[in-house]
PDB file of N, CA and C in Angstrom:
ATOM      1  N   MET A   1      34.213 153.658  69.627  1.00  0.00           N
ATOM      2  CA  MET A   1      35.064 153.242  68.533  1.00  0.00           C
ATOM      3  C   MET A   1      34.240 152.420  67.544  1.00  0.00           C
ATOM      4  N   MET A   2      34.406 152.702  66.258  1.00  0.00           N
ATOM      5  CA  MET A   2      33.690 151.952  65.232  1.00  0.00           C
ATOM      6  C   MET A   2      34.381 150.621  64.990  1.00  0.00           C
ATOM      7  N   THR A   3      33.566 149.587  64.794  1.00  0.00           N
ATOM      8  CA  THR A   3      34.152 148.278  64.540  1.00  0.00           C
ATOM      9  C   THR A   3      34.266 147.975  63.054  1.00  0.00           C
ATOM     10  N   GLY A   4      33.517 148.694  62.230  1.00  0.00           N
ATOM     11  CA  GLY A   4      33.571 148.467  60.782  1.00  0.00           C
ATOM     12  C   GLY A   4      34.262 149.617  60.095  1.00  0.00           C
ATOM     13  N   SER A   5      34.365 149.512  58.803  1.00  0.00           N
ATOM     14  CA  SER A   5      34.982 150.593  58.052  1.00  0.00           C
ATOM     15  C   SER A   5      33.931 151.265  57.190  1.00  0.00           C
ATOM     16  N   VAL A   6      34.178 152.502  56.858  1.00  0.00           N
ATOM     17  CA  VAL A   6      33.304 153.222  55.946  1.00  0.00           C
ATOM     18  C   VAL A   6      33.777 152.901  54.539  1.00  0.00           C
ATOM     19  N   ARG A   7      32.870 152.448  53.712  1.00  0.00           N
ATOM     20  CA  ARG A   7      33.218 152.026  52.358  1.00  0.00           C
ATOM     21  C   ARG A   7      33.656 153.217  51.523  1.00  0.00           C
ATOM     22  N   GLN A   8      34.810 153.132  50.943  1.00  0.00           N
ATOM     23  CA  GLN A   8      35.352 154.182  50.082  1.00  0.00           C
ATOM     24  C   GLN A   8      35.437 153.638  48.663  1.00  0.00           C
ATOM     25  N   ASP A   9      34.437 153.928  47.846  1.00  0.00           N
ATOM     26  CA  ASP A   9      34.462 153.463  46.466  1.00  0.00           C
ATOM     27  C   ASP A   9      33.734 154.469  45.581  1.00  0.00           C
ATOM     28  N   ASP A  10      33.433 154.088  44.371  1.00  0.00           N
ATOM     29  CA  ASP A  10      32.819 154.987  43.407  1.00  0.00           C
ATOM     30  C   ASP A  10      31.297 154.954  43.424  1.00  0.00           C
ATOM     31  N   PHE A  11      30.673 154.286  44.402  1.00  0.00           N
ATOM     32  CA  PHE A  11      29.230 154.122  44.373  1.00  0.00           C
ATOM     33  C   PHE A  11      28.476 155.327  44.913  1.00  0.00           C
ATOM     34  N   GLY A  12      29.019 156.079  45.840  1.00  0.00           N
ATOM     35  CA  GLY A  12      28.377 157.290  46.333  1.00  0.00           C
ATOM     36  C   GLY A  12      27.107 157.033  47.111  1.00  0.00           C
ATOM     37  N   SER A  13      26.440 158.124  47.468  1.00  0.00           N
ATOM     38  CA  SER A  13      25.198 158.044  48.235  1.00  0.00           C
ATOM     39  C   SER A  13      24.044 157.644  47.326  1.00  0.00           C
ATOM     40  N   PRO A  14      22.900 157.246  47.919  1.00  0.00           N
ATOM     41  CA  PRO A  14      21.746 156.913  47.077  1.00  0.00           C
ATOM     42  C   PRO A  14      21.356 158.063  46.155  1.00  0.00           C
ATOM     43  N   GLU A  15      21.436 159.295  46.647  1.00  0.00           N
ATOM     44  CA  GLU A  15      21.080 160.448  45.827  1.00  0.00           C
ATOM     45  C   GLU A  15      21.981 160.560  44.595  1.00  0.00           C
ATOM     46  N   GLN A  16      23.271 160.244  44.765  1.00  0.00           N
ATOM     47  CA  GLN A  16      24.212 160.336  43.655  1.00  0.00           C
ATOM     48  C   GLN A  16      24.003 159.223  42.631  1.00  0.00           C
ATOM     49  N   ARG A  17      23.471 158.083  43.070  1.00  0.00           N
ATOM     50  CA  ARG A  17      23.281 156.951  42.175  1.00  0.00           C
ATOM     51  C   ARG A  17      21.945 156.977  41.449  1.00  0.00           C
ATOM     52  N   MET A  18      21.005 157.799  41.881  1.00  0.00           N
ATOM     53  CA  MET A  18      19.667 157.785  41.315  1.00  0.00           C
ATOM     54  C   MET A  18      19.622 158.596  40.024  1.00  0.00           C
ATOM     55  N   PRO A  19      19.349 157.964  38.907  1.00  0.00           N
ATOM     56  CA  PRO A  19      19.304 158.698  37.639  1.00  0.00           C
ATOM     57  C   PRO A  19      18.197 159.745  37.614  1.00  0.00           C
ATOM     58  N   GLU A  20      17.110 159.517  38.339  1.00  0.00           N
ATOM     59  CA  GLU A  20      15.998 160.460  38.337  1.00  0.00           C
ATOM     60  C   GLU A  20      16.194 161.600  39.331  1.00  0.00           C
ATOM     61  N   TRP A  21      17.172 161.486  40.226  1.00  0.00           N
ATOM     62  CA  TRP A  21      17.319 162.423  41.337  1.00  0.00           C
ATOM     63  C   TRP A  21      18.273 163.542  40.946  1.00  0.00           C
ATOM     64  N   ASP A  22      17.811 164.795  41.043  1.00  0.00           N
ATOM     65  CA  ASP A  22      18.721 165.905  40.799  1.00  0.00           C
ATOM     66  C   ASP A  22      18.764 166.829  42.009  1.00  0.00           C
ATOM     67  N   GLY A  23      18.332 166.328  43.159  1.00  0.00           N
ATOM     68  CA  GLY A  23      18.349 167.116  44.380  1.00  0.00           C
ATOM     69  C   GLY A  23      17.043 167.825  44.644  1.00  0.00           C
ATOM     70  N   ASP A  24      16.285 168.135  43.613  1.00  0.00           N
ATOM     71  CA  ASP A  24      15.042 168.855  43.796  1.00  0.00           C
ATOM     72  C   ASP A  24      13.856 168.211  43.095  1.00  0.00           C
ATOM     73  N   HIS A  25      14.105 167.422  42.077  1.00  0.00           N
ATOM     74  CA  HIS A  25      13.011 166.905  41.271  1.00  0.00           C
ATOM     75  C   HIS A  25      13.218 165.433  40.956  1.00  0.00           C
ATOM     76  N   VAL A  26      12.119 164.737  40.775  1.00  0.00           N
ATOM     77  CA  VAL A  26      12.160 163.383  40.258  1.00  0.00           C
ATOM     78  C   VAL A  26      11.848 163.495  38.775  1.00  0.00           C
ATOM     79  N   HIS A  27      12.709 162.938  37.925  1.00  0.00           N
ATOM     80  CA  HIS A  27      12.534 163.057  36.484  1.00  0.00           C
ATOM     81  C   HIS A  27      12.130 161.731  35.873  1.00  0.00           C
ATOM     82  N   ASP A  28      11.305 161.808  34.872  1.00  0.00           N
ATOM     83  CA  ASP A  28      10.940 160.660  34.066  1.00  0.00           C
ATOM     84  C   ASP A  28      12.039 160.492  33.020  1.00  0.00           C
ATOM     85  N   ARG A  29      12.666 159.331  32.998  1.00  0.00           N
ATOM     86  CA  ARG A  29      13.783 159.101  32.066  1.00  0.00           C
ATOM     87  C   ARG A  29      13.359 159.281  30.616  1.00  0.00           C
ATOM     88  N   ALA A  30      12.164 158.845  30.255  1.00  0.00           N
ATOM     89  CA  ALA A  30      11.730 158.902  28.866  1.00  0.00           C
ATOM     90  C   ALA A  30      11.482 160.329  28.401  1.00  0.00           C
ATOM     91  N   SER A  31      10.776 161.111  29.197  1.00  0.00           N
ATOM     92  CA  SER A  31      10.420 162.462  28.758  1.00  0.00           C
ATOM     93  C   SER A  31      11.433 163.508  29.180  1.00  0.00           C
ATOM     94  N   GLY A  32      12.185 163.235  30.257  1.00  0.00           N
ATOM     95  CA  GLY A  32      13.142 164.213  30.759  1.00  0.00           C
ATOM     96  C   GLY A  32      12.483 165.328  31.555  1.00  0.00           C
ATOM     97  N   GLU A  33      11.187 165.215  31.796  1.00  0.00           N
ATOM     98  CA  GLU A  33      10.474 166.242  32.543  1.00  0.00           C
ATOM     99  C   GLU A  33      10.218 165.766  33.958  1.00  0.00           C
ATOM    100  N   ALA A  34       9.979 166.735  34.848  1.00  0.00           N
ATOM    101  CA  ALA A  34       9.602 166.395  36.217  1.00  0.00           C
ATOM    102  C   ALA A  34       8.307 165.593  36.145  1.00  0.00           C
ATOM    103  N   ASP A  35       8.169 164.585  37.016  1.00  0.00           N
ATOM    104  CA  ASP A  35       7.004 163.710  36.963  1.00  0.00           C
ATOM    105  C   ASP A  35       6.372 163.615  38.323  1.00  0.00           C
ATOM    106  N   PRO A  36       5.121 163.925  38.470  1.00  0.00           N
ATOM    107  CA  PRO A  36       4.228 164.564  37.517  1.00  0.00           C
ATOM    108  C   PRO A  36       4.403 166.067  37.534  1.00  0.00           C
ATOM    109  N   PRO A  37       4.109 166.765  36.436  1.00  0.00           N
ATOM    110  CA  PRO A  37       4.373 168.199  36.358  1.00  0.00           C
ATOM    111  C   PRO A  37       3.594 169.019  37.374  1.00  0.00           C
ATOM    112  N   ASP A  38       2.385 168.594  37.745  1.00  0.00           N
ATOM    113  CA  ASP A  38       1.592 169.373  38.688  1.00  0.00           C
ATOM    114  C   ASP A  38       1.879 169.018  40.129  1.00  0.00           C
ATOM    115  N   GLY A  39       2.623 167.959  40.377  1.00  0.00           N
ATOM    116  CA  GLY A  39       3.004 167.582  41.723  1.00  0.00           C
ATOM    117  C   GLY A  39       1.907 166.932  42.533  1.00  0.00           C
ATOM    118  N   ASP A  40       0.709 166.734  41.964  1.00  0.00           N
ATOM    119  CA  ASP A  40      -0.410 166.199  42.724  1.00  0.00           C
ATOM    120  C   ASP A  40      -0.152 164.806  43.274  1.00  0.00           C
ATOM    121  N   LEU A  41       0.570 163.972  42.558  1.00  0.00           N
ATOM    122  CA  LEU A  41       0.783 162.610  42.999  1.00  0.00           C
ATOM    123  C   LEU A  41       1.969 162.476  43.940  1.00  0.00           C
ATOM    124  N   LEU A  42       2.655 163.557  44.225  1.00  0.00           N
ATOM    125  CA  LEU A  42       3.856 163.501  45.045  1.00  0.00           C
ATOM    126  C   LEU A  42       3.617 163.888  46.486  1.00  0.00           C
ATOM    127  N   GLY A  43       2.390 164.168  46.877  1.00  0.00           N
ATOM    128  CA  GLY A  43       2.077 164.463  48.267  1.00  0.00           C
ATOM    129  C   GLY A  43       1.726 165.918  48.490  1.00  0.00           C
ATOM    130  N   VAL A  44       1.115 166.148  49.638  1.00  0.00           N
ATOM    131  CA  VAL A  44       0.709 167.488  50.036  1.00  0.00           C
ATOM    132  C   VAL A  44       1.949 168.313  50.351  1.00  0.00           C
ATOM    133  N   ASP A  45       1.912 169.574  49.964  1.00  0.00           N
ATOM    134  CA  ASP A  45       3.004 170.489  50.292  1.00  0.00           C
ATOM    135  C   ASP A  45       3.218 170.460  51.804  1.00  0.00           C
ATOM    136  N   PRO A  46       4.429 170.164  52.267  1.00  0.00           N
ATOM    137  CA  PRO A  46       4.676 170.077  53.710  1.00  0.00           C
ATOM    138  C   PRO A  46       4.284 171.341  54.479  1.00  0.00           C
ATOM    139  N   ALA A  47       4.369 172.503  53.849  1.00  0.00           N
ATOM    140  CA  ALA A  47       3.995 173.752  54.518  1.00  0.00           C
ATOM    141  C   ALA A  47       2.506 173.788  54.838  1.00  0.00           C
ATOM    142  N   GLU A  48       1.711 173.004  54.122  1.00  0.00           N
ATOM    143  CA  GLU A  48       0.268 172.963  54.350  1.00  0.00           C
ATOM    144  C   GLU A  48      -0.139 171.957  55.416  1.00  0.00           C
ATOM    145  N   LEU A  49       0.785 171.119  55.863  1.00  0.00           N
ATOM    146  CA  LEU A  49       0.482 170.118  56.880  1.00  0.00           C
ATOM    147  C   LEU A  49       0.539 170.712  58.277  1.00  0.00           C
ATOM    148  N   GLY A  50      -0.369 170.274  59.133  1.00  0.00           N
ATOM    149  CA  GLY A  50      -0.279 170.624  60.541  1.00  0.00           C
ATOM    150  C   GLY A  50       0.883 169.864  61.168  1.00  0.00           C
ATOM    151  N   ASP A  51       1.277 170.251  62.386  1.00  0.00           N
ATOM    152  CA  ASP A  51       2.414 169.597  63.042  1.00  0.00           C
ATOM    153  C   ASP A  51       2.215 168.086  63.193  1.00  0.00           C
ATOM    154  N   GLU A  52       1.025 167.661  63.622  1.00  0.00           N
ATOM    155  CA  GLU A  52       0.777 166.223  63.802  1.00  0.00           C
ATOM    156  C   GLU A  52       0.867 165.476  62.477  1.00  0.00           C
ATOM    157  N   ASP A  53       0.321 166.058  61.414  1.00  0.00           N
ATOM    158  CA  ASP A  53       0.380 165.415  60.104  1.00  0.00           C
ATOM    159  C   ASP A  53       1.810 165.361  59.580  1.00  0.00           C
ATOM    160  N   LEU A  54       2.582 166.407  59.807  1.00  0.00           N
ATOM    161  CA  LEU A  54       3.979 166.432  59.380  1.00  0.00           C
ATOM    162  C   LEU A  54       4.762 165.315  60.073  1.00  0.00           C
ATOM    163  N   ILE A  55       4.586 165.185  61.370  1.00  0.00           N
ATOM    164  CA  ILE A  55       5.271 164.127  62.129  1.00  0.00           C
ATOM    165  C   ILE A  55       4.818 162.752  61.657  1.00  0.00           C
ATOM    166  N   ARG A  56       3.512 162.581  61.430  1.00  0.00           N
ATOM    167  CA  ARG A  56       2.986 161.298  60.955  1.00  0.00           C
ATOM    168  C   ARG A  56       3.598 160.924  59.609  1.00  0.00           C
ATOM    169  N   GLU A  57       3.699 161.889  58.695  1.00  0.00           N
ATOM    170  CA  GLU A  57       4.296 161.632  57.381  1.00  0.00           C
ATOM    171  C   GLU A  57       5.766 161.248  57.505  1.00  0.00           C
ATOM    172  N   MET A  58       6.500 161.929  58.384  1.00  0.00           N
ATOM    173  CA  MET A  58       7.918 161.588  58.573  1.00  0.00           C
ATOM    174  C   MET A  58       8.060 160.189  59.173  1.00  0.00           C
ATOM    175  N   HIS A  59       7.203 159.852  60.142  1.00  0.00           N
ATOM    176  CA  HIS A  59       7.231 158.499  60.718  1.00  0.00           C
ATOM    177  C   HIS A  59       7.016 157.451  59.629  1.00  0.00           C
ATOM    178  N   SER A  60       6.051 157.692  58.764  1.00  0.00           N
ATOM    179  CA  SER A  60       5.748 156.737  57.704  1.00  0.00           C
ATOM    180  C   SER A  60       6.949 156.542  56.780  1.00  0.00           C
ATOM    181  N   LEU A  61       7.591 157.630  56.374  1.00  0.00           N
ATOM    182  CA  LEU A  61       8.760 157.523  55.501  1.00  0.00           C
ATOM    183  C   LEU A  61       9.919 156.801  56.176  1.00  0.00           C
ATOM    184  N   HIS A  62      10.162 157.121  57.436  1.00  0.00           N
ATOM    185  CA  HIS A  62      11.278 156.480  58.135  1.00  0.00           C
ATOM    186  C   HIS A  62      10.996 154.997  58.389  1.00  0.00           C
ATOM    187  N   ARG A  63       9.732 154.652  58.603  1.00  0.00           N
ATOM    188  CA  ARG A  63       9.351 153.263  58.824  1.00  0.00           C
ATOM    189  C   ARG A  63       9.597 152.422  57.557  1.00  0.00           C
ATOM    190  N   THR A  64       9.432 153.023  56.394  1.00  0.00           N
ATOM    191  CA  THR A  64       9.589 152.287  55.135  1.00  0.00           C
ATOM    192  C   THR A  64      10.947 152.492  54.473  1.00  0.00           C
ATOM    193  N   ARG A  65      11.834 153.222  55.105  1.00  0.00           N
ATOM    194  CA  ARG A  65      13.112 153.608  54.498  1.00  0.00           C
ATOM    195  C   ARG A  65      13.958 152.426  54.039  1.00  0.00           C
ATOM    196  N   LEU A  66      14.221 151.482  54.915  1.00  0.00           N
ATOM    197  CA  LEU A  66      15.115 150.377  54.566  1.00  0.00           C
ATOM    198  C   LEU A  66      14.526 149.518  53.452  1.00  0.00           C
ATOM    199  N   ASP A  67      13.247 149.222  53.534  1.00  0.00           N
ATOM    200  CA  ASP A  67      12.612 148.427  52.491  1.00  0.00           C
ATOM    201  C   ASP A  67      12.675 149.151  51.143  1.00  0.00           C
ATOM    202  N   THR A  68      12.433 150.451  51.147  1.00  0.00           N
ATOM    203  CA  THR A  68      12.501 151.229  49.911  1.00  0.00           C
ATOM    204  C   THR A  68      13.919 151.238  49.363  1.00  0.00           C
ATOM    205  N   LEU A  69      14.893 151.459  50.218  1.00  0.00           N
ATOM    206  CA  LEU A  69      16.290 151.485  49.790  1.00  0.00           C
ATOM    207  C   LEU A  69      16.719 150.157  49.186  1.00  0.00           C
ATOM    208  N   ARG A  70      16.307 149.060  49.804  1.00  0.00           N
ATOM    209  CA  ARG A  70      16.763 147.751  49.365  1.00  0.00           C
ATOM    210  C   ARG A  70      15.986 147.169  48.191  1.00  0.00           C
ATOM    211  N   HIS A  71      14.677 147.482  48.093  1.00  0.00           N
ATOM    212  CA  HIS A  71      13.866 146.715  47.163  1.00  0.00           C
ATOM    213  C   HIS A  71      13.031 147.519  46.167  1.00  0.00           C
ATOM    214  N   ALA A  72      12.913 148.811  46.335  1.00  0.00           N
ATOM    215  CA  ALA A  72      12.034 149.592  45.455  1.00  0.00           C
ATOM    216  C   ALA A  72      12.719 149.925  44.129  1.00  0.00           C
ATOM    217  N   ALA A  73      11.895 150.233  43.153  1.00  0.00           N
ATOM    218  CA  ALA A  73      12.405 150.690  41.860  1.00  0.00           C
ATOM    219  C   ALA A  73      13.146 152.008  42.041  1.00  0.00           C
ATOM    220  N   ASP A  74      14.026 152.321  41.105  1.00  0.00           N
ATOM    221  CA  ASP A  74      14.798 153.558  41.184  1.00  0.00           C
ATOM    222  C   ASP A  74      13.897 154.784  41.320  1.00  0.00           C
ATOM    223  N   SER A  75      12.809 154.810  40.572  1.00  0.00           N
ATOM    224  CA  SER A  75      11.913 155.968  40.635  1.00  0.00           C
ATOM    225  C   SER A  75      11.253 156.083  42.001  1.00  0.00           C
ATOM    226  N   ALA A  76      10.911 154.951  42.625  1.00  0.00           N
ATOM    227  CA  ALA A  76      10.306 154.979  43.959  1.00  0.00           C
ATOM    228  C   ALA A  76      11.320 155.464  44.995  1.00  0.00           C
ATOM    229  N   LEU A  77      12.555 155.022  44.889  1.00  0.00           N
ATOM    230  CA  LEU A  77      13.588 155.484  45.818  1.00  0.00           C
ATOM    231  C   LEU A  77      13.846 156.973  45.629  1.00  0.00           C
ATOM    232  N   ALA A  78      13.898 157.432  44.396  1.00  0.00           N
ATOM    233  CA  ALA A  78      14.099 158.859  44.148  1.00  0.00           C
ATOM    234  C   ALA A  78      12.959 159.677  44.741  1.00  0.00           C
ATOM    235  N   ASN A  79      11.727 159.202  44.591  1.00  0.00           N
ATOM    236  CA  ASN A  79      10.574 159.889  45.165  1.00  0.00           C
ATOM    237  C   ASN A  79      10.651 159.893  46.687  1.00  0.00           C
ATOM    238  N   HIS A  80      11.070 158.769  47.271  1.00  0.00           N
ATOM    239  CA  HIS A  80      11.213 158.651  48.721  1.00  0.00           C
ATOM    240  C   HIS A  80      12.253 159.647  49.238  1.00  0.00           C
ATOM    241  N   LEU A  81      13.380 159.753  48.545  1.00  0.00           N
ATOM    242  CA  LEU A  81      14.433 160.687  48.938  1.00  0.00           C
ATOM    243  C   LEU A  81      13.936 162.135  48.869  1.00  0.00           C
ATOM    244  N   ARG A  82      13.227 162.454  47.781  1.00  0.00           N
ATOM    245  CA  ARG A  82      12.711 163.808  47.606  1.00  0.00           C
ATOM    246  C   ARG A  82      11.706 164.159  48.696  1.00  0.00           C
ATOM    247  N   ARG A  83      10.783 163.242  48.949  1.00  0.00           N
ATOM    248  CA  ARG A  83       9.734 163.518  49.935  1.00  0.00           C
ATOM    249  C   ARG A  83      10.324 163.637  51.341  1.00  0.00           C
ATOM    250  N   THR A  84      11.264 162.778  51.666  1.00  0.00           N
ATOM    251  CA  THR A  84      11.920 162.864  52.973  1.00  0.00           C
ATOM    252  C   THR A  84      12.603 164.213  53.140  1.00  0.00           C
ATOM    253  N   ALA A  85      13.321 164.658  52.125  1.00  0.00           N
ATOM    254  CA  ALA A  85      14.000 165.959  52.185  1.00  0.00           C
ATOM    255  C   ALA A  85      12.995 167.095  52.365  1.00  0.00           C
ATOM    256  N   GLU A  86      11.878 167.036  51.643  1.00  0.00           N
ATOM    257  CA  GLU A  86      10.852 168.080  51.780  1.00  0.00           C
ATOM    258  C   GLU A  86      10.299 168.146  53.195  1.00  0.00           C
ATOM    259  N   LEU A  87       9.916 166.992  53.737  1.00  0.00           N
ATOM    260  CA  LEU A  87       9.304 166.958  55.066  1.00  0.00           C
ATOM    261  C   LEU A  87      10.297 167.352  56.156  1.00  0.00           C
ATOM    262  N   GLU A  88      11.521 166.852  56.066  1.00  0.00           N
ATOM    263  CA  GLU A  88      12.514 167.178  57.092  1.00  0.00           C
ATOM    264  C   GLU A  88      12.929 168.641  57.014  1.00  0.00           C
ATOM    265  N   THR A  89      13.004 169.200  55.829  1.00  0.00           N
ATOM    266  CA  THR A  89      13.314 170.629  55.689  1.00  0.00           C
ATOM    267  C   THR A  89      12.224 171.472  56.319  1.00  0.00           C
ATOM    268  N   GLU A  90      10.970 171.098  56.106  1.00  0.00           N
ATOM    269  CA  GLU A  90       9.848 171.824  56.719  1.00  0.00           C
ATOM    270  C   GLU A  90       9.904 171.710  58.238  1.00  0.00           C
ATOM    271  N   TYR A  91      10.189 170.514  58.754  1.00  0.00           N
ATOM    272  CA  TYR A  91      10.286 170.323  60.203  1.00  0.00           C
ATOM    273  C   TYR A  91      11.366 171.226  60.791  1.00  0.00           C
ATOM    274  N   LEU A  92      12.536 171.245  60.167  1.00  0.00           N
ATOM    275  CA  LEU A  92      13.635 172.068  60.676  1.00  0.00           C
ATOM    276  C   LEU A  92      13.317 173.564  60.582  1.00  0.00           C
ATOM    277  N   ALA A  93      12.573 173.968  59.561  1.00  0.00           N
ATOM    278  CA  ALA A  93      12.170 175.374  59.437  1.00  0.00           C
ATOM    279  C   ALA A  93      11.220 175.761  60.571  1.00  0.00           C
ATOM    280  N   ARG A  94      10.361 174.838  60.966  1.00  0.00           N
ATOM    281  CA  ARG A  94       9.408 175.102  62.055  1.00  0.00           C
ATOM    282  C   ARG A  94      10.057 175.029  63.427  1.00  0.00           C
ATOM    283  N   HIS A  95      11.121 174.256  63.547  1.00  0.00           N
ATOM    284  CA  HIS A  95      11.757 174.018  64.846  1.00  0.00           C
ATOM    285  C   HIS A  95      13.260 174.290  64.784  1.00  0.00           C
ATOM    286  N   PRO A  96      13.651 175.540  64.474  1.00  0.00           N
ATOM    287  CA  PRO A  96      15.089 175.828  64.343  1.00  0.00           C
ATOM    288  C   PRO A  96      15.836 175.690  65.674  1.00  0.00           C
ATOM    289  N   GLY A  97      15.155 175.873  66.776  1.00  0.00           N
ATOM    290  CA  GLY A  97      15.797 175.752  68.087  1.00  0.00           C
ATOM    291  C   GLY A  97      15.455 174.450  68.768  1.00  0.00           C
ATOM    292  N   ARG A  98      15.293 173.393  67.958  1.00  0.00           N
ATOM    293  CA  ARG A  98      14.893 172.107  68.526  1.00  0.00           C
ATOM    294  C   ARG A  98      15.854 171.682  69.625  1.00  0.00           C
ATOM    295  N   GLU A  99      15.318 170.966  70.595  1.00  0.00           N
ATOM    296  CA  GLU A  99      16.119 170.509  71.731  1.00  0.00           C
ATOM    297  C   GLU A  99      17.011 169.353  71.284  1.00  0.00           C
ATOM    298  N   VAL A 100      18.293 169.484  71.550  1.00  0.00           N
ATOM    299  CA  VAL A 100      19.254 168.443  71.204  1.00  0.00           C
ATOM    300  C   VAL A 100      19.593 167.673  72.474  1.00  0.00           C
ATOM    301  N   ASP A 101      19.444 166.361  72.429  1.00  0.00           N
ATOM    302  CA  ASP A 101      19.729 165.491  73.563  1.00  0.00           C
ATOM    303  C   ASP A 101      21.244 165.422  73.750  1.00  0.00           C
ATOM    304  N   PRO A 102      21.755 165.868  74.901  1.00  0.00           N
ATOM    305  CA  PRO A 102      23.211 165.847  75.134  1.00  0.00           C
ATOM    306  C   PRO A 102      23.828 164.455  74.990  1.00  0.00           C
ATOM    307  N   SER A 103      23.047 163.414  75.245  1.00  0.00           N
ATOM    308  CA  SER A 103      23.604 162.060  75.116  1.00  0.00           C
ATOM    309  C   SER A 103      23.827 161.672  73.658  1.00  0.00           C
ATOM    310  N   ARG A 104      23.285 162.476  72.715  1.00  0.00           N
ATOM    311  CA  ARG A 104      23.467 162.210  71.283  1.00  0.00           C
ATOM    312  C   ARG A 104      24.664 162.949  70.704  1.00  0.00           C
ATOM    313  N   LEU A 105      25.385 163.686  71.522  1.00  0.00           N
ATOM    314  CA  LEU A 105      26.531 164.472  71.062  1.00  0.00           C
ATOM    315  C   LEU A 105      27.820 163.674  71.241  1.00  0.00           C
ATOM    316  N   ARG A 106      28.752 163.915  70.341  1.00  0.00           N
ATOM    317  CA  ARG A 106      30.073 163.311  70.460  1.00  0.00           C
ATOM    318  C   ARG A 106      31.096 164.411  70.721  1.00  0.00           C
ATOM    319  N   ASP A 107      32.176 164.050  71.367  1.00  0.00           N
ATOM    320  CA  ASP A 107      33.260 164.996  71.569  1.00  0.00           C
ATOM    321  C   ASP A 107      33.910 165.291  70.219  1.00  0.00           C
ATOM    322  N   ALA A 108      34.259 166.563  70.010  1.00  0.00           N
ATOM    323  CA  ALA A 108      34.875 166.937  68.730  1.00  0.00           C
ATOM    324  C   ALA A 108      36.316 166.568  68.661  1.00  0.00           C
TER     325      ALA A 108
END
């Protein structure tokens, strides 16, 4: 049983509140273009990472998640959200039959 309540207001998820976030790209507010256009500063394509590197990158993002959410600039949070989605999507594509721990399941 949950002891708290889920907040129901107009604030939405971090993705919905991020002006630079459109689900796929981080945008520069001034130019309106994806930043950077060549993607070089946004990290290695997850498909090019080996399994160990992919896991290491996900660990790094999850380790910094709360600090980024609470204290980073909007553009940094948008980049963090985008990169997390890229890495986790790649992980799930590589491991579609991943083992699910029965103790993590709830009754429907």
